[in-house]
Amino acid sequence: MKHQLTHIDPFQAAKLIALLSVLISFPVLLLTALPALSVPGPSMRFLSGSLLALPVVYGIAGYTLALIGAGLYNQLASHFGGIIVHLQPIDDSADLESRPTVV
């Protein structure tokens, strides 16, 4: 069964991508903070403030870029057609974890 994705809600997509961006920033923050913590000196205060701002910056950038991206997708999909997705119906009574994932 084929379906065509013709519209993405920009604000919903932006919220989801912003949340994912913030979550992704935490491992980056840890990987960046470990070497930074080993450097003594007055620059540590600036560096620690910058590291704490990283999740906020990632979230804002993710939200903004997803909002723009979803809007552009909607415009292009209205002119050229959206992404075609092949869906396969499943039996609701079957154990979903034992089924192979269809990509």
C-alpha atoms as a PDB file:
ATOM      1  CA  MET A   1       0.000   0.000   0.000  1.00  0.00           C
ATOM      2  CA  LYS A   2       1.518   3.318  -1.085  1.00  0.00           C
ATOM      3  CA  HIS A   3       0.955   6.673   0.571  1.00  0.00           C
ATOM      4  CA  GLN A   4       2.372  10.067  -0.248  1.00  0.00           C
ATOM      5  CA  LEU A   5       3.541  12.471   2.441  1.00  0.00           C
ATOM      6  CA  THR A   6       2.237  15.817   1.196  1.00  0.00           C
ATOM      7  CA  HIS A   7       2.370  17.943   4.345  1.00  0.00           C
ATOM      8  CA  ILE A   8       4.460  18.154   7.518  1.00  0.00           C
ATOM      9  CA  ASP A   9       3.225  20.316  10.382  1.00  0.00           C
ATOM     10  CA  PRO A  10       6.181  22.728  10.709  1.00  0.00           C
ATOM     11  CA  PHE A  11       5.681  23.511  14.395  1.00  0.00           C
ATOM     12  CA  GLN A  12       5.250  19.875  15.441  1.00  0.00           C
ATOM     13  CA  ALA A  13       8.320  18.862  13.432  1.00  0.00           C
ATOM     14  CA  ALA A  14      10.273  21.783  14.919  1.00  0.00           C
ATOM     15  CA  LYS A  15       9.352  20.780  18.487  1.00  0.00           C
ATOM     16  CA  LEU A  16      10.418  17.188  17.903  1.00  0.00           C
ATOM     17  CA  ILE A  17      13.709  18.132  16.231  1.00  0.00           C
ATOM     18  CA  ALA A  18      14.474  20.690  18.966  1.00  0.00           C
ATOM     19  CA  LEU A  19      13.978  18.026  21.619  1.00  0.00           C
ATOM     20  CA  LEU A  20      16.166  15.575  19.702  1.00  0.00           C
ATOM     21  CA  SER A  21      18.828  18.280  19.279  1.00  0.00           C
ATOM     22  CA  VAL A  22      18.897  18.966  23.009  1.00  0.00           C
ATOM     23  CA  LEU A  23      19.151  15.251  23.781  1.00  0.00           C
ATOM     24  CA  ILE A  24      21.966  14.820  21.252  1.00  0.00           C
ATOM     25  CA  SER A  25      23.835  17.781  22.735  1.00  0.00           C
ATOM     26  CA  PHE A  26      24.314  16.062  26.105  1.00  0.00           C
ATOM     27  CA  PRO A  27      26.823  13.444  24.865  1.00  0.00           C
ATOM     28  CA  VAL A  28      28.573  16.198  22.898  1.00  0.00           C
ATOM     29  CA  LEU A  29      28.617  18.295  26.059  1.00  0.00           C
ATOM     30  CA  LEU A  30      30.199  15.466  28.051  1.00  0.00           C
ATOM     31  CA  LEU A  31      32.816  14.752  25.386  1.00  0.00           C
ATOM     32  CA  THR A  32      33.674  18.450  25.222  1.00  0.00           C
ATOM     33  CA  ALA A  33      33.626  19.024  28.980  1.00  0.00           C
ATOM     34  CA  LEU A  34      36.035  16.244  29.920  1.00  0.00           C
ATOM     35  CA  PRO A  35      39.096  17.750  28.206  1.00  0.00           C
ATOM     36  CA  ALA A  36      38.010  21.250  29.212  1.00  0.00           C
ATOM     37  CA  LEU A  37      37.885  20.356  32.889  1.00  0.00           C
ATOM     38  CA  SER A  38      41.526  19.320  32.823  1.00  0.00           C
ATOM     39  CA  VAL A  39      42.647  22.821  31.764  1.00  0.00           C
ATOM     40  CA  PRO A  40      43.283  25.065  34.796  1.00  0.00           C
ATOM     41  CA  GLY A  41      43.127  28.819  34.648  1.00  0.00           C
ATOM     42  CA  PRO A  42      40.811  31.812  34.384  1.00  0.00           C
ATOM     43  CA  SER A  43      39.376  30.693  31.063  1.00  0.00           C
ATOM     44  CA  MET A  44      37.559  27.873  32.895  1.00  0.00           C
ATOM     45  CA  ARG A  45      34.695  30.171  33.932  1.00  0.00           C
ATOM     46  CA  PHE A  46      34.044  31.233  30.338  1.00  0.00           C
ATOM     47  CA  LEU A  47      34.371  27.673  29.108  1.00  0.00           C
ATOM     48  CA  SER A  48      31.953  26.254  31.671  1.00  0.00           C
ATOM     49  CA  GLY A  49      29.371  28.912  30.785  1.00  0.00           C
ATOM     50  CA  SER A  50      29.784  28.121  27.108  1.00  0.00           C
ATOM     51  CA  LEU A  51      29.345  24.417  27.724  1.00  0.00           C
ATOM     52  CA  LEU A  52      26.163  24.980  29.716  1.00  0.00           C
ATOM     53  CA  ALA A  53      24.730  27.057  26.870  1.00  0.00           C
ATOM     54  CA  LEU A  54      25.377  24.279  24.341  1.00  0.00           C
ATOM     55  CA  PRO A  55      22.045  22.402  24.816  1.00  0.00           C
ATOM     56  CA  VAL A  56      20.117  25.671  24.527  1.00  0.00           C
ATOM     57  CA  VAL A  57      21.918  26.623  21.320  1.00  0.00           C
ATOM     58  CA  TYR A  58      21.377  23.131  19.863  1.00  0.00           C
ATOM     59  CA  GLY A  59      17.672  23.304  20.743  1.00  0.00           C
ATOM     60  CA  ILE A  60      17.157  26.732  19.194  1.00  0.00           C
ATOM     61  CA  ALA A  61      19.106  25.798  16.061  1.00  0.00           C
ATOM     62  CA  GLY A  62      17.213  22.512  15.715  1.00  0.00           C
ATOM     63  CA  TYR A  63      13.850  24.231  16.109  1.00  0.00           C
ATOM     64  CA  THR A  64      14.666  26.954  13.608  1.00  0.00           C
ATOM     65  CA  LEU A  65      16.130  24.643  10.971  1.00  0.00           C
ATOM     66  CA  ALA A  66      13.277  22.123  11.282  1.00  0.00           C
ATOM     67  CA  LEU A  67      10.697  24.898  10.979  1.00  0.00           C
ATOM     68  CA  ILE A  68      12.352  26.163   7.802  1.00  0.00           C
ATOM     69  CA  GLY A  69      12.887  22.628   6.475  1.00  0.00           C
ATOM     70  CA  ALA A  70       9.267  21.579   7.013  1.00  0.00           C
ATOM     71  CA  GLY A  71       8.025  24.757   5.359  1.00  0.00           C
ATOM     72  CA  LEU A  72      10.289  24.182   2.357  1.00  0.00           C
ATOM     73  CA  TYR A  73       9.221  20.542   2.158  1.00  0.00           C
ATOM     74  CA  ASN A  74       5.556  21.557   2.104  1.00  0.00           C
ATOM     75  CA  GLN A  75       6.179  24.054  -0.697  1.00  0.00           C
ATOM     76  CA  LEU A  76       8.188  21.598  -2.790  1.00  0.00           C
ATOM     77  CA  ALA A  77       5.783  18.714  -2.136  1.00  0.00           C
ATOM     78  CA  SER A  78       2.857  20.815  -3.354  1.00  0.00           C
ATOM     79  CA  HIS A  79       4.643  21.409  -6.673  1.00  0.00           C
ATOM     80  CA  PHE A  80       6.566  18.175  -7.253  1.00  0.00           C
ATOM     81  CA  GLY A  81       4.853  15.617  -5.018  1.00  0.00           C
ATOM     82  CA  GLY A  82       5.840  14.347  -1.633  1.00  0.00           C
ATOM     83  CA  ILE A  83       7.840  11.382  -0.449  1.00  0.00           C
ATOM     84  CA  ILE A  84       6.172   8.082  -1.286  1.00  0.00           C
ATOM     85  CA  VAL A  85       5.992   5.687   1.629  1.00  0.00           C
ATOM     86  CA  HIS A  86       5.160   1.995   1.313  1.00  0.00           C
ATOM     87  CA  LEU A  87       3.134   0.749   4.268  1.00  0.00           C
ATOM     88  CA  GLN A  88       2.302  -2.813   5.160  1.00  0.00           C
ATOM     89  CA  PRO A  89      -0.766  -3.639   7.268  1.00  0.00           C
ATOM     90  CA  ILE A  90      -0.049  -5.691  10.372  1.00  0.00           C
ATOM     91  CA  ASP A  91      -2.190  -7.929  12.531  1.00  0.00           C
ATOM     92  CA  ASP A  92      -2.918  -6.130  15.816  1.00  0.00           C
ATOM     93  CA  SER A  93      -3.106  -9.381  17.754  1.00  0.00           C
ATOM     94  CA  ALA A  94       0.407 -10.471  16.733  1.00  0.00           C
ATOM     95  CA  ASP A  95       3.415  -9.780  18.886  1.00  0.00           C
ATOM     96  CA  LEU A  96       4.955  -6.667  17.300  1.00  0.00           C
ATOM     97  CA  GLU A  97       8.412  -7.262  18.760  1.00  0.00           C
ATOM     98  CA  SER A  98       8.808 -10.593  16.960  1.00  0.00           C
ATOM     99  CA  ARG A  99       8.031  -9.099  13.544  1.00  0.00           C
ATOM    100  CA  PRO A 100      10.850  -7.902  11.286  1.00  0.00           C
ATOM    101  CA  THR A 101      11.047  -4.169  10.700  1.00  0.00           C
ATOM    102  CA  VAL A 102      10.045  -3.060   7.197  1.00  0.00           C
ATOM    103  CA  VAL A 103      12.065  -0.138   5.926  1.00  0.00           C
END
